[in-house]
Amino acid sequence: MNTIANRTVICNVLMEHAKNDRDIVVLCSDSRGSASMTPFANAYPEQFIEIGIAEQNLVGISAGLAKCGKKAYACSPACFISSRSYEQIKIDCAYSNTNVKLIGISGGVSYGALGMSHHSLQDIAAIASLPNMKIYLPSDRFQTRFLTQQLLQDNSPAYIRVGRNPVEDVYDENYTFEKDKAVWLKTGNDITIIACGEMVKSAYDAAILLNQEGISVTVLDMYCLKPIDEYAIIEAAKCSKAVVTVEEHSAYGGLGSMVSSVVSRYCPKKVLKLSLPDSPIISGTSKEIFAYYGLDAHGIKSNILTFLEE
């Protein structure tokens, strides 16, 4: 069982490069602990800035540093950085095409029992609407490592959402990473499941359960939501009777909406969007919430079987 959270991996990669790249700077909004950035702050105090609970300032200062040639990483809970500082993201990062990496920690329902004020279920929809912004939801620690390494060489603004807790491995150290390309985890000819972030492992496990029912499933890890890999979506849809999307997000404006737009234009097929509802979400651990709304492996399987009977 993996015990390393994706947020920890981001810190480790930045620390590995910060010694020889003094332009790397990390900024936190009283969140160095929850972002796992305390080791970075201790090792490179001159490359770390504590802003305090002021998310607008966090993004604005990060953008200013980036305009001076720094590689700025702004770390804050996803629910706050994506909403409280939205205007700064829009003007200072997106419209200005400024090299700021926004690290949204504890994304989705990671904060669980803290309730809806700490859930980030509209962040993808909001940030995806901004020009120049890239969006990534890595599915495990290995993908997070390769993505973070690649983004050090990318000068575009980006939003990277990671969860709070360690997640089961999808890949291993031999994984071949391709930036902005969906990963084909499994191929079949009945159903295509497209998932992102922490939902990828559940989607893959659901595919195994469906195989046991005689249903052949393709699984795509769409860790890159913007730019989204349209080619992979189209190729998978061509070989399937229907497409299913699974996401830790609202039903509006996220992965499901993006995939539906591509499928309806280029390869019309039925699409089932599995997401969190457009209503107040229950409190509980991530696993409890996923199980309640049918987003764990068994719930995904059950939803797909019902969908196929319609």
C-alpha atoms as a PDB file:
ATOM      1  CA  MET A   1       0.000   0.000   0.000  1.00  0.00           C
ATOM      2  CA  ASN A   2       1.391   3.378  -1.032  1.00  0.00           C
ATOM      3  CA  THR A   3       1.987   5.842   1.819  1.00  0.00           C
ATOM      4  CA  ILE A   4       3.317   8.790  -0.219  1.00  0.00           C
ATOM      5  CA  ALA A   5       0.829  11.530  -1.108  1.00  0.00           C
ATOM      6  CA  ASN A   6       1.066  13.304  -4.466  1.00  0.00           C
ATOM      7  CA  ARG A   7       1.632  16.647  -2.697  1.00  0.00           C
ATOM      8  CA  THR A   8       4.724  15.164  -1.059  1.00  0.00           C
ATOM      9  CA  VAL A   9       6.050  14.091  -4.445  1.00  0.00           C
ATOM     10  CA  ILE A  10       5.699  17.644  -5.785  1.00  0.00           C
ATOM     11  CA  CYS A  11       7.779  18.946  -2.876  1.00  0.00           C
ATOM     12  CA  ASN A  12      10.416  16.255  -3.398  1.00  0.00           C
ATOM     13  CA  VAL A  13      10.810  17.060  -7.098  1.00  0.00           C
ATOM     14  CA  LEU A  14      11.074  20.799  -6.459  1.00  0.00           C
ATOM     15  CA  MET A  15      13.688  20.201  -3.777  1.00  0.00           C
ATOM     16  CA  GLU A  16      15.724  18.027  -6.139  1.00  0.00           C
ATOM     17  CA  HIS A  17      15.898  20.864  -8.668  1.00  0.00           C
ATOM     18  CA  ALA A  18      15.959  23.928  -6.403  1.00  0.00           C
ATOM     19  CA  LYS A  19      19.595  23.454  -5.397  1.00  0.00           C
ATOM     20  CA  ASN A  20      20.783  24.060  -8.947  1.00  0.00           C
ATOM     21  CA  ASP A  21      17.904  26.234 -10.113  1.00  0.00           C
ATOM     22  CA  ARG A  22      17.644  29.300  -7.890  1.00  0.00           C
ATOM     23  CA  ASP A  23      14.717  30.591  -9.922  1.00  0.00           C
ATOM     24  CA  ILE A  24      12.412  27.998  -8.368  1.00  0.00           C
ATOM     25  CA  VAL A  25      10.321  29.686  -5.661  1.00  0.00           C
ATOM     26  CA  VAL A  26       7.487  28.252  -3.582  1.00  0.00           C
ATOM     27  CA  LEU A  27       4.785  30.429  -2.050  1.00  0.00           C
ATOM     28  CA  CYS A  28       2.199  29.261   0.492  1.00  0.00           C
ATOM     29  CA  SER A  29      -0.892  30.765   2.085  1.00  0.00           C
ATOM     30  CA  ASP A  30      -0.346  29.488   5.632  1.00  0.00           C
ATOM     31  CA  SER A  31      -0.365  26.062   3.986  1.00  0.00           C
ATOM     32  CA  ARG A  32       3.215  24.789   4.047  1.00  0.00           C
ATOM     33  CA  GLY A  33       2.165  21.885   6.272  1.00  0.00           C
ATOM     34  CA  SER A  34      -0.909  20.811   4.349  1.00  0.00           C
ATOM     35  CA  ALA A  35       0.984  21.290   1.078  1.00  0.00           C
ATOM     36  CA  SER A  36       3.894  19.164   2.387  1.00  0.00           C
ATOM     37  CA  MET A  37       6.209  22.095   1.647  1.00  0.00           C
ATOM     38  CA  THR A  38       7.779  22.380   5.108  1.00  0.00           C
ATOM     39  CA  PRO A  39      10.899  20.439   3.986  1.00  0.00           C
ATOM     40  CA  PHE A  40      11.315  22.854   1.067  1.00  0.00           C
ATOM     41  CA  ALA A  41      10.910  25.893   3.335  1.00  0.00           C
ATOM     42  CA  ASN A  42      13.507  24.511   5.746  1.00  0.00           C
ATOM     43  CA  ALA A  43      16.007  23.554   3.039  1.00  0.00           C
ATOM     44  CA  TYR A  44      15.639  26.651   0.853  1.00  0.00           C
ATOM     45  CA  PRO A  45      14.355  29.524   3.018  1.00  0.00           C
ATOM     46  CA  GLU A  46      15.516  32.119   0.487  1.00  0.00           C
ATOM     47  CA  GLN A  47      13.360  30.462  -2.170  1.00  0.00           C
ATOM     48  CA  PHE A  48      10.260  30.195   0.002  1.00  0.00           C
ATOM     49  CA  ILE A  49       7.692  32.889   0.786  1.00  0.00           C
ATOM     50  CA  GLU A  50       4.931  32.587   3.378  1.00  0.00           C
ATOM     51  CA  ILE A  51       2.079  34.880   2.348  1.00  0.00           C
ATOM     52  CA  GLY A  52      -0.387  34.015   5.097  1.00  0.00           C
ATOM     53  CA  ILE A  53      -4.109  33.500   4.602  1.00  0.00           C
ATOM     54  CA  ALA A  54      -4.377  35.842   1.631  1.00  0.00           C
ATOM     55  CA  GLU A  55      -4.925  33.833  -1.533  1.00  0.00           C
ATOM     56  CA  GLN A  56      -5.313  36.853  -3.813  1.00  0.00           C
ATOM     57  CA  ASN A  57      -1.917  38.116  -2.686  1.00  0.00           C
ATOM     58  CA  LEU A  58      -0.480  34.618  -3.114  1.00  0.00           C
ATOM     59  CA  VAL A  59      -1.343  34.544  -6.814  1.00  0.00           C
ATOM     60  CA  GLY A  60      -0.539  38.208  -7.468  1.00  0.00           C
ATOM     61  CA  ILE A  61       2.912  37.997  -5.871  1.00  0.00           C
ATOM     62  CA  SER A  62       3.598  34.712  -7.694  1.00  0.00           C
ATOM     63  CA  ALA A  63       2.767  36.382 -10.990  1.00  0.00           C
ATOM     64  CA  GLY A  64       5.041  39.315 -10.199  1.00  0.00           C
ATOM     65  CA  LEU A  65       7.927  36.995  -9.397  1.00  0.00           C
ATOM     66  CA  ALA A  66       7.273  35.051 -12.594  1.00  0.00           C
ATOM     67  CA  LYS A  67       7.446  38.256 -14.625  1.00  0.00           C
ATOM     68  CA  CYS A  68      10.910  38.742 -13.119  1.00  0.00           C
ATOM     69  CA  GLY A  69      12.010  35.345 -14.400  1.00  0.00           C
ATOM     70  CA  LYS A  70      11.198  33.156 -11.408  1.00  0.00           C
ATOM     71  CA  LYS A  71       9.485  29.768 -11.624  1.00  0.00           C
ATOM     72  CA  ALA A  72       6.709  30.373  -9.126  1.00  0.00           C
ATOM     73  CA  TYR A  73       4.743  27.593  -7.439  1.00  0.00           C
ATOM     74  CA  ALA A  74       1.725  28.890  -5.521  1.00  0.00           C
ATOM     75  CA  CYS A  75       0.435  26.255  -3.085  1.00  0.00           C
ATOM     76  CA  SER A  76      -2.926  26.531  -1.380  1.00  0.00           C
ATOM     77  CA  PRO A  77      -6.046  24.420  -0.776  1.00  0.00           C
ATOM     78  CA  ALA A  78      -7.790  23.924  -4.110  1.00  0.00           C
ATOM     79  CA  CYS A  79     -11.100  25.197  -2.754  1.00  0.00           C
ATOM     80  CA  PHE A  80      -9.546  28.571  -1.893  1.00  0.00           C
ATOM     81  CA  ILE A  81      -6.960  29.180  -4.601  1.00  0.00           C
ATOM     82  CA  SER A  82      -9.509  28.430  -7.346  1.00  0.00           C
ATOM     83  CA  SER A  83     -12.231  30.700  -5.986  1.00  0.00           C
ATOM     84  CA  ARG A  84     -10.918  33.411  -3.652  1.00  0.00           C
ATOM     85  CA  SER A  85      -8.118  34.331  -6.081  1.00  0.00           C
ATOM     86  CA  TYR A  86     -10.022  33.767  -9.311  1.00  0.00           C
ATOM     87  CA  GLU A  87      -9.629  37.350 -10.549  1.00  0.00           C
ATOM     88  CA  GLN A  88      -5.865  37.214  -9.997  1.00  0.00           C
ATOM     89  CA  ILE A  89      -5.666  33.894 -11.835  1.00  0.00           C
ATOM     90  CA  LYS A  90      -7.655  35.384 -14.703  1.00  0.00           C
ATOM     91  CA  ILE A  91      -5.783  38.691 -15.040  1.00  0.00           C
ATOM     92  CA  ASP A  92      -2.290  38.030 -13.686  1.00  0.00           C
ATOM     93  CA  CYS A  93      -1.807  34.455 -14.913  1.00  0.00           C
ATOM     94  CA  ALA A  94      -4.176  33.558 -17.753  1.00  0.00           C
ATOM     95  CA  TYR A  95      -4.630  36.818 -19.660  1.00  0.00           C
ATOM     96  CA  SER A  96      -0.974  37.717 -19.095  1.00  0.00           C
ATOM     97  CA  ASN A  97       0.196  34.171 -19.977  1.00  0.00           C
ATOM     98  CA  THR A  98       2.437  34.215 -16.909  1.00  0.00           C
ATOM     99  CA  ASN A  99       4.479  31.205 -15.807  1.00  0.00           C
ATOM    100  CA  VAL A 100       2.785  30.473 -12.488  1.00  0.00           C
ATOM    101  CA  LYS A 101       2.052  26.920 -11.393  1.00  0.00           C
ATOM    102  CA  LEU A 102      -0.990  26.855  -9.133  1.00  0.00           C
ATOM    103  CA  ILE A 103      -0.865  23.798  -6.879  1.00  0.00           C
ATOM    104  CA  GLY A 104      -4.385  23.096  -5.627  1.00  0.00           C
ATOM    105  CA  ILE A 105      -3.886  20.797  -2.660  1.00  0.00           C
ATOM    106  CA  SER A 106      -6.570  18.640  -1.027  1.00  0.00           C
ATOM    107  CA  GLY A 107      -8.693  18.883  -4.155  1.00  0.00           C
ATOM    108  CA  GLY A 108     -12.195  17.535  -4.639  1.00  0.00           C
ATOM    109  CA  VAL A 109     -13.631  16.153  -1.399  1.00  0.00           C
ATOM    110  CA  SER A 110     -10.246  15.464   0.236  1.00  0.00           C
ATOM    111  CA  TYR A 111     -11.095  17.544   3.285  1.00  0.00           C
ATOM    112  CA  GLY A 112     -14.120  15.293   3.801  1.00  0.00           C
ATOM    113  CA  ALA A 113     -15.587  16.024   7.207  1.00  0.00           C
ATOM    114  CA  LEU A 114     -14.854  19.764   6.955  1.00  0.00           C
ATOM    115  CA  GLY A 115     -17.781  19.932   4.564  1.00  0.00           C
ATOM    116  CA  MET A 116     -18.701  21.865   1.442  1.00  0.00           C
ATOM    117  CA  SER A 117     -16.775  25.032   2.347  1.00  0.00           C
ATOM    118  CA  HIS A 118     -13.602  22.991   1.860  1.00  0.00           C
ATOM    119  CA  HIS A 119     -14.684  20.987  -1.190  1.00  0.00           C
ATOM    120  CA  SER A 120     -13.446  22.052  -4.633  1.00  0.00           C
ATOM    121  CA  LEU A 121     -15.997  20.731  -7.080  1.00  0.00           C
ATOM    122  CA  GLN A 122     -16.195  23.674  -9.494  1.00  0.00           C
ATOM    123  CA  ASP A 123     -12.487  24.453  -9.874  1.00  0.00           C
ATOM    124  CA  ILE A 124     -11.959  22.646 -13.177  1.00  0.00           C
ATOM    125  CA  ALA A 125     -14.958  24.330 -14.813  1.00  0.00           C
ATOM    126  CA  ALA A 126     -13.878  27.769 -13.623  1.00  0.00           C
ATOM    127  CA  ILE A 127     -10.202  27.576 -14.556  1.00  0.00           C
ATOM    128  CA  ALA A 128     -10.769  25.717 -17.836  1.00  0.00           C
ATOM    129  CA  SER A 129     -12.714  28.726 -19.109  1.00  0.00           C
ATOM    130  CA  LEU A 130      -9.597  30.914 -18.916  1.00  0.00           C
ATOM    131  CA  PRO A 131      -7.289  31.232 -21.935  1.00  0.00           C
ATOM    132  CA  ASN A 132      -3.703  29.919 -21.741  1.00  0.00           C
ATOM    133  CA  MET A 133      -4.360  27.948 -18.545  1.00  0.00           C
ATOM    134  CA  LYS A 134      -3.396  24.281 -18.532  1.00  0.00           C
ATOM    135  CA  ILE A 135      -5.045  21.853 -16.109  1.00  0.00           C
ATOM    136  CA  TYR A 136      -3.663  18.593 -14.739  1.00  0.00           C
ATOM    137  CA  LEU A 137      -5.015  16.004 -12.305  1.00  0.00           C
ATOM    138  CA  PRO A 138      -2.318  13.338 -11.856  1.00  0.00           C
ATOM    139  CA  SER A 139      -3.612   9.938 -10.815  1.00  0.00           C
ATOM    140  CA  ASP A 140      -0.760   8.659  -8.648  1.00  0.00           C
ATOM    141  CA  ARG A 141       2.700   9.449  -7.244  1.00  0.00           C
ATOM    142  CA  PHE A 142       4.620   8.256 -10.295  1.00  0.00           C
ATOM    143  CA  GLN A 143       2.605  10.338 -12.735  1.00  0.00           C
ATOM    144  CA  THR A 144       2.858  13.297 -10.349  1.00  0.00           C
ATOM    145  CA  ARG A 145       6.663  13.010 -10.331  1.00  0.00           C
ATOM    146  CA  PHE A 146       6.985  12.925 -14.116  1.00  0.00           C
ATOM    147  CA  LEU A 147       4.440  15.715 -14.567  1.00  0.00           C
ATOM    148  CA  THR A 148       6.191  17.995 -12.054  1.00  0.00           C
ATOM    149  CA  GLN A 149       9.525  17.398 -13.751  1.00  0.00           C
ATOM    150  CA  GLN A 150       8.054  18.252 -17.157  1.00  0.00           C
ATOM    151  CA  LEU A 151       6.322  21.390 -15.902  1.00  0.00           C
ATOM    152  CA  LEU A 152       9.648  22.803 -14.717  1.00  0.00           C
ATOM    153  CA  GLN A 153      10.456  23.168 -18.425  1.00  0.00           C
ATOM    154  CA  ASP A 154       7.030  24.557 -19.378  1.00  0.00           C
ATOM    155  CA  ASN A 155       6.516  28.336 -19.284  1.00  0.00           C
ATOM    156  CA  SER A 156       2.716  28.243 -19.487  1.00  0.00           C
ATOM    157  CA  PRO A 157       0.469  28.951 -16.497  1.00  0.00           C
ATOM    158  CA  ALA A 158      -1.039  25.764 -15.106  1.00  0.00           C
ATOM    159  CA  TYR A 159      -3.363  24.485 -12.403  1.00  0.00           C
ATOM    160  CA  ILE A 160      -2.369  21.166 -10.847  1.00  0.00           C
ATOM    161  CA  ARG A 161      -4.939  19.606  -8.535  1.00  0.00           C
ATOM    162  CA  VAL A 162      -3.879  16.859  -6.123  1.00  0.00           C
ATOM    163  CA  GLY A 163      -5.641  15.128  -3.266  1.00  0.00           C
ATOM    164  CA  ARG A 164      -4.780  15.145   0.412  1.00  0.00           C
ATOM    165  CA  ASN A 165      -4.117  11.475   1.084  1.00  0.00           C
ATOM    166  CA  PRO A 166      -1.883   8.837  -0.507  1.00  0.00           C
ATOM    167  CA  VAL A 167      -3.619   6.942  -3.314  1.00  0.00           C
ATOM    168  CA  GLU A 168      -3.030   3.472  -4.679  1.00  0.00           C
ATOM    169  CA  ASP A 169      -0.467   3.209  -7.442  1.00  0.00           C
ATOM    170  CA  VAL A 170      -1.687   3.112 -11.022  1.00  0.00           C
ATOM    171  CA  TYR A 171       1.812   3.048 -12.522  1.00  0.00           C
ATOM    172  CA  ASP A 172       5.342   2.138 -11.453  1.00  0.00           C
ATOM    173  CA  GLU A 173       8.792   3.663 -11.843  1.00  0.00           C
ATOM    174  CA  ASN A 174       9.040   2.253 -15.390  1.00  0.00           C
ATOM    175  CA  TYR A 175       6.034   4.250 -16.562  1.00  0.00           C
ATOM    176  CA  THR A 176       6.678   6.168 -19.799  1.00  0.00           C
ATOM    177  CA  PHE A 177       5.192   9.643 -19.399  1.00  0.00           C
ATOM    178  CA  GLU A 178       3.895  11.637 -22.377  1.00  0.00           C
ATOM    179  CA  LYS A 179       2.895  15.186 -21.578  1.00  0.00           C
ATOM    180  CA  ASP A 180      -0.622  16.216 -22.613  1.00  0.00           C
ATOM    181  CA  LYS A 181      -1.449  12.706 -23.849  1.00  0.00           C
ATOM    182  CA  ALA A 182      -4.064  10.458 -22.267  1.00  0.00           C
ATOM    183  CA  VAL A 183      -2.836   7.090 -21.044  1.00  0.00           C
ATOM    184  CA  TRP A 184      -4.454   3.925 -22.402  1.00  0.00           C
ATOM    185  CA  LEU A 185      -4.631   1.678 -19.339  1.00  0.00           C
ATOM    186  CA  LYS A 186      -6.857  -0.962 -20.902  1.00  0.00           C
ATOM    187  CA  THR A 187      -8.487  -1.640 -24.271  1.00  0.00           C
ATOM    188  CA  GLY A 188     -11.875  -3.155 -25.025  1.00  0.00           C
ATOM    189  CA  ASN A 189     -14.752  -2.798 -27.464  1.00  0.00           C
ATOM    190  CA  ASP A 190     -17.938  -2.461 -25.396  1.00  0.00           C
ATOM    191  CA  ILE A 191     -17.457   0.556 -23.138  1.00  0.00           C
ATOM    192  CA  THR A 192     -14.851   3.293 -22.782  1.00  0.00           C
ATOM    193  CA  ILE A 193     -14.292   4.722 -19.301  1.00  0.00           C
ATOM    194  CA  ILE A 194     -12.441   8.049 -19.174  1.00  0.00           C
ATOM    195  CA  ALA A 195     -11.340   9.185 -15.725  1.00  0.00           C
ATOM    196  CA  CYS A 196      -8.978  11.692 -14.120  1.00  0.00           C
ATOM    197  CA  GLY A 197      -7.188  12.188 -10.821  1.00  0.00           C
ATOM    198  CA  GLU A 198      -8.058   9.859  -7.967  1.00  0.00           C
ATOM    199  CA  MET A 199     -10.920   8.372  -9.968  1.00  0.00           C
ATOM    200  CA  VAL A 200      -8.549   6.588 -12.361  1.00  0.00           C
ATOM    201  CA  LYS A 201      -7.777   3.670 -10.038  1.00  0.00           C
ATOM    202  CA  SER A 202     -11.476   3.185  -9.246  1.00  0.00           C
ATOM    203  CA  ALA A 203     -12.302   3.288 -12.958  1.00  0.00           C
ATOM    204  CA  TYR A 204      -9.654   0.678 -13.710  1.00  0.00           C
ATOM    205  CA  ASP A 205     -10.874  -1.583 -10.900  1.00  0.00           C
ATOM    206  CA  ALA A 206     -14.451  -1.195 -12.182  1.00  0.00           C
ATOM    207  CA  ALA A 207     -13.263  -2.279 -15.625  1.00  0.00           C
ATOM    208  CA  ILE A 208     -11.841  -5.474 -14.124  1.00  0.00           C
ATOM    209  CA  LEU A 209     -15.188  -6.159 -12.422  1.00  0.00           C
ATOM    210  CA  LEU A 210     -17.039  -5.528 -15.686  1.00  0.00           C
ATOM    211  CA  ASN A 211     -14.705  -7.905 -17.514  1.00  0.00           C
ATOM    212  CA  GLN A 212     -15.880 -10.586 -15.111  1.00  0.00           C
ATOM    213  CA  GLU A 213     -19.420  -9.859 -16.338  1.00  0.00           C
ATOM    214  CA  GLY A 214     -18.315 -10.353 -19.944  1.00  0.00           C
ATOM    215  CA  ILE A 215     -18.103  -6.640 -20.742  1.00  0.00           C
ATOM    216  CA  SER A 216     -14.965  -5.483 -22.575  1.00  0.00           C
ATOM    217  CA  VAL A 217     -13.743  -2.091 -21.376  1.00  0.00           C
ATOM    218  CA  THR A 218     -11.274   0.567 -22.503  1.00  0.00           C
ATOM    219  CA  VAL A 219      -9.881   2.784 -19.733  1.00  0.00           C
ATOM    220  CA  LEU A 220      -8.266   6.161 -20.418  1.00  0.00           C
ATOM    221  CA  ASP A 221      -6.411   8.193 -17.804  1.00  0.00           C
ATOM    222  CA  MET A 222      -7.181  11.761 -18.876  1.00  0.00           C
ATOM    223  CA  TYR A 223      -4.818  13.438 -16.417  1.00  0.00           C
ATOM    224  CA  CYS A 224      -4.492  16.353 -18.880  1.00  0.00           C
ATOM    225  CA  LEU A 225      -7.847  18.131 -18.903  1.00  0.00           C
ATOM    226  CA  LYS A 226      -6.580  21.179 -20.726  1.00  0.00           C
ATOM    227  CA  PRO A 227      -5.343  20.702 -23.347  1.00  0.00           C
ATOM    228  CA  ILE A 228      -7.526  17.614 -23.492  1.00  0.00           C
ATOM    229  CA  ASP A 229      -6.421  14.737 -25.716  1.00  0.00           C
ATOM    230  CA  GLU A 230      -9.194  14.829 -28.329  1.00  0.00           C
ATOM    231  CA  TYR A 231      -7.511  12.217 -30.509  1.00  0.00           C
ATOM    232  CA  ALA A 232      -7.551   9.617 -27.727  1.00  0.00           C
ATOM    233  CA  ILE A 233     -11.205  10.345 -26.951  1.00  0.00           C
ATOM    234  CA  ILE A 234     -12.224   9.953 -30.593  1.00  0.00           C
ATOM    235  CA  GLU A 235     -10.221   6.768 -31.140  1.00  0.00           C
ATOM    236  CA  ALA A 236     -11.624   5.186 -27.985  1.00  0.00           C
ATOM    237  CA  ALA A 237     -15.202   6.216 -28.807  1.00  0.00           C
ATOM    238  CA  LYS A 238     -14.944   4.757 -32.312  1.00  0.00           C
ATOM    239  CA  CYS A 239     -14.303   1.330 -30.835  1.00  0.00           C
ATOM    240  CA  SER A 240     -16.997   1.489 -28.144  1.00  0.00           C
ATOM    241  CA  LYS A 241     -20.762   1.328 -27.916  1.00  0.00           C
ATOM    242  CA  ALA A 242     -20.821   4.100 -25.301  1.00  0.00           C
ATOM    243  CA  VAL A 243     -18.517   6.349 -23.263  1.00  0.00           C
ATOM    244  CA  VAL A 244     -18.489   6.813 -19.481  1.00  0.00           C
ATOM    245  CA  THR A 245     -16.658   9.618 -17.662  1.00  0.00           C
ATOM    246  CA  VAL A 246     -15.733   9.515 -13.978  1.00  0.00           C
ATOM    247  CA  GLU A 247     -14.628  12.612 -12.073  1.00  0.00           C
ATOM    248  CA  GLU A 248     -14.369  14.113  -8.605  1.00  0.00           C
ATOM    249  CA  HIS A 249     -16.133  17.292  -9.686  1.00  0.00           C
ATOM    250  CA  SER A 250     -19.514  18.827 -10.312  1.00  0.00           C
ATOM    251  CA  ALA A 251     -21.540  17.460 -13.216  1.00  0.00           C
ATOM    252  CA  TYR A 252     -21.096  20.790 -14.986  1.00  0.00           C
ATOM    253  CA  GLY A 253     -18.026  22.011 -16.840  1.00  0.00           C
ATOM    254  CA  GLY A 254     -15.585  19.261 -15.925  1.00  0.00           C
ATOM    255  CA  LEU A 255     -14.262  16.125 -17.608  1.00  0.00           C
ATOM    256  CA  GLY A 256     -17.713  14.832 -18.537  1.00  0.00           C
ATOM    257  CA  SER A 257     -18.687  18.050 -20.283  1.00  0.00           C
ATOM    258  CA  MET A 258     -15.360  18.223 -22.126  1.00  0.00           C
ATOM    259  CA  VAL A 259     -15.578  14.615 -23.335  1.00  0.00           C
ATOM    260  CA  SER A 260     -19.238  14.990 -24.329  1.00  0.00           C
ATOM    261  CA  SER A 261     -18.350  17.999 -26.468  1.00  0.00           C
ATOM    262  CA  VAL A 262     -15.673  16.038 -28.342  1.00  0.00           C
ATOM    263  CA  VAL A 263     -17.745  12.867 -28.744  1.00  0.00           C
ATOM    264  CA  SER A 264     -20.874  14.685 -29.951  1.00  0.00           C
ATOM    265  CA  ARG A 265     -18.892  16.546 -32.604  1.00  0.00           C
ATOM    266  CA  TYR A 266     -16.615  13.853 -33.990  1.00  0.00           C
ATOM    267  CA  CYS A 267     -18.035  10.454 -33.040  1.00  0.00           C
ATOM    268  CA  PRO A 268     -21.578  10.623 -31.651  1.00  0.00           C
ATOM    269  CA  LYS A 269     -22.143   7.984 -28.970  1.00  0.00           C
ATOM    270  CA  LYS A 270     -24.128   7.783 -25.749  1.00  0.00           C
ATOM    271  CA  VAL A 271     -22.211   9.344 -22.846  1.00  0.00           C
ATOM    272  CA  LEU A 272     -22.763   8.629 -19.144  1.00  0.00           C
ATOM    273  CA  LYS A 273     -21.275  11.254 -16.820  1.00  0.00           C
ATOM    274  CA  LEU A 274     -20.471   9.988 -13.325  1.00  0.00           C
ATOM    275  CA  SER A 275     -19.652  12.833 -10.971  1.00  0.00           C
ATOM    276  CA  LEU A 276     -20.652  14.401  -7.697  1.00  0.00           C
ATOM    277  CA  PRO A 277     -24.196  15.827  -7.715  1.00  0.00           C
ATOM    278  CA  ASP A 278     -25.297  19.421  -8.176  1.00  0.00           C
ATOM    279  CA  SER A 279     -26.448  19.591  -4.568  1.00  0.00           C
ATOM    280  CA  PRO A 280     -24.974  19.782  -1.054  1.00  0.00           C
ATOM    281  CA  ILE A 281     -22.461  16.960  -0.556  1.00  0.00           C
ATOM    282  CA  ILE A 282     -22.471  14.746   2.529  1.00  0.00           C
ATOM    283  CA  SER A 283     -19.585  14.959   4.990  1.00  0.00           C
ATOM    284  CA  GLY A 284     -17.265  12.016   5.505  1.00  0.00           C
ATOM    285  CA  THR A 285     -13.961  10.571   4.369  1.00  0.00           C
ATOM    286  CA  SER A 286     -13.187  10.519   0.649  1.00  0.00           C
ATOM    287  CA  LYS A 287     -13.878   6.782   0.508  1.00  0.00           C
ATOM    288  CA  GLU A 288     -17.208   7.203   2.267  1.00  0.00           C
ATOM    289  CA  ILE A 289     -18.256  10.002  -0.060  1.00  0.00           C
ATOM    290  CA  PHE A 290     -17.211   8.094  -3.190  1.00  0.00           C
ATOM    291  CA  ALA A 291     -19.096   4.986  -2.035  1.00  0.00           C
ATOM    292  CA  TYR A 292     -22.213   7.009  -1.196  1.00  0.00           C
ATOM    293  CA  TYR A 293     -22.358   8.588  -4.652  1.00  0.00           C
ATOM    294  CA  GLY A 294     -21.386   5.484  -6.607  1.00  0.00           C
ATOM    295  CA  LEU A 295     -17.883   6.640  -7.518  1.00  0.00           C
ATOM    296  CA  ASP A 296     -15.956   3.687  -6.091  1.00  0.00           C
ATOM    297  CA  ALA A 297     -15.237   0.627  -8.232  1.00  0.00           C
ATOM    298  CA  HIS A 298     -18.429  -1.208  -7.322  1.00  0.00           C
ATOM    299  CA  GLY A 299     -20.548   1.910  -7.746  1.00  0.00           C
ATOM    300  CA  ILE A 300     -19.056   2.641 -11.159  1.00  0.00           C
ATOM    301  CA  LYS A 301     -19.697  -0.947 -12.224  1.00  0.00           C
ATOM    302  CA  SER A 302     -23.307  -0.792 -11.007  1.00  0.00           C
ATOM    303  CA  ASN A 303     -23.946   2.537 -12.758  1.00  0.00           C
ATOM    304  CA  ILE A 304     -22.570   1.196 -16.029  1.00  0.00           C
ATOM    305  CA  LEU A 305     -24.620  -2.009 -15.876  1.00  0.00           C
ATOM    306  CA  THR A 306     -27.768   0.055 -15.312  1.00  0.00           C
ATOM    307  CA  PHE A 307     -26.774   2.380 -18.154  1.00  0.00           C
ATOM    308  CA  LEU A 308     -26.335  -0.541 -20.560  1.00  0.00           C
ATOM    309  CA  GLU A 309     -29.822  -1.804 -19.738  1.00  0.00           C
ATOM    310  CA  GLU A 310     -31.479   1.491 -20.699  1.00  0.00           C
END
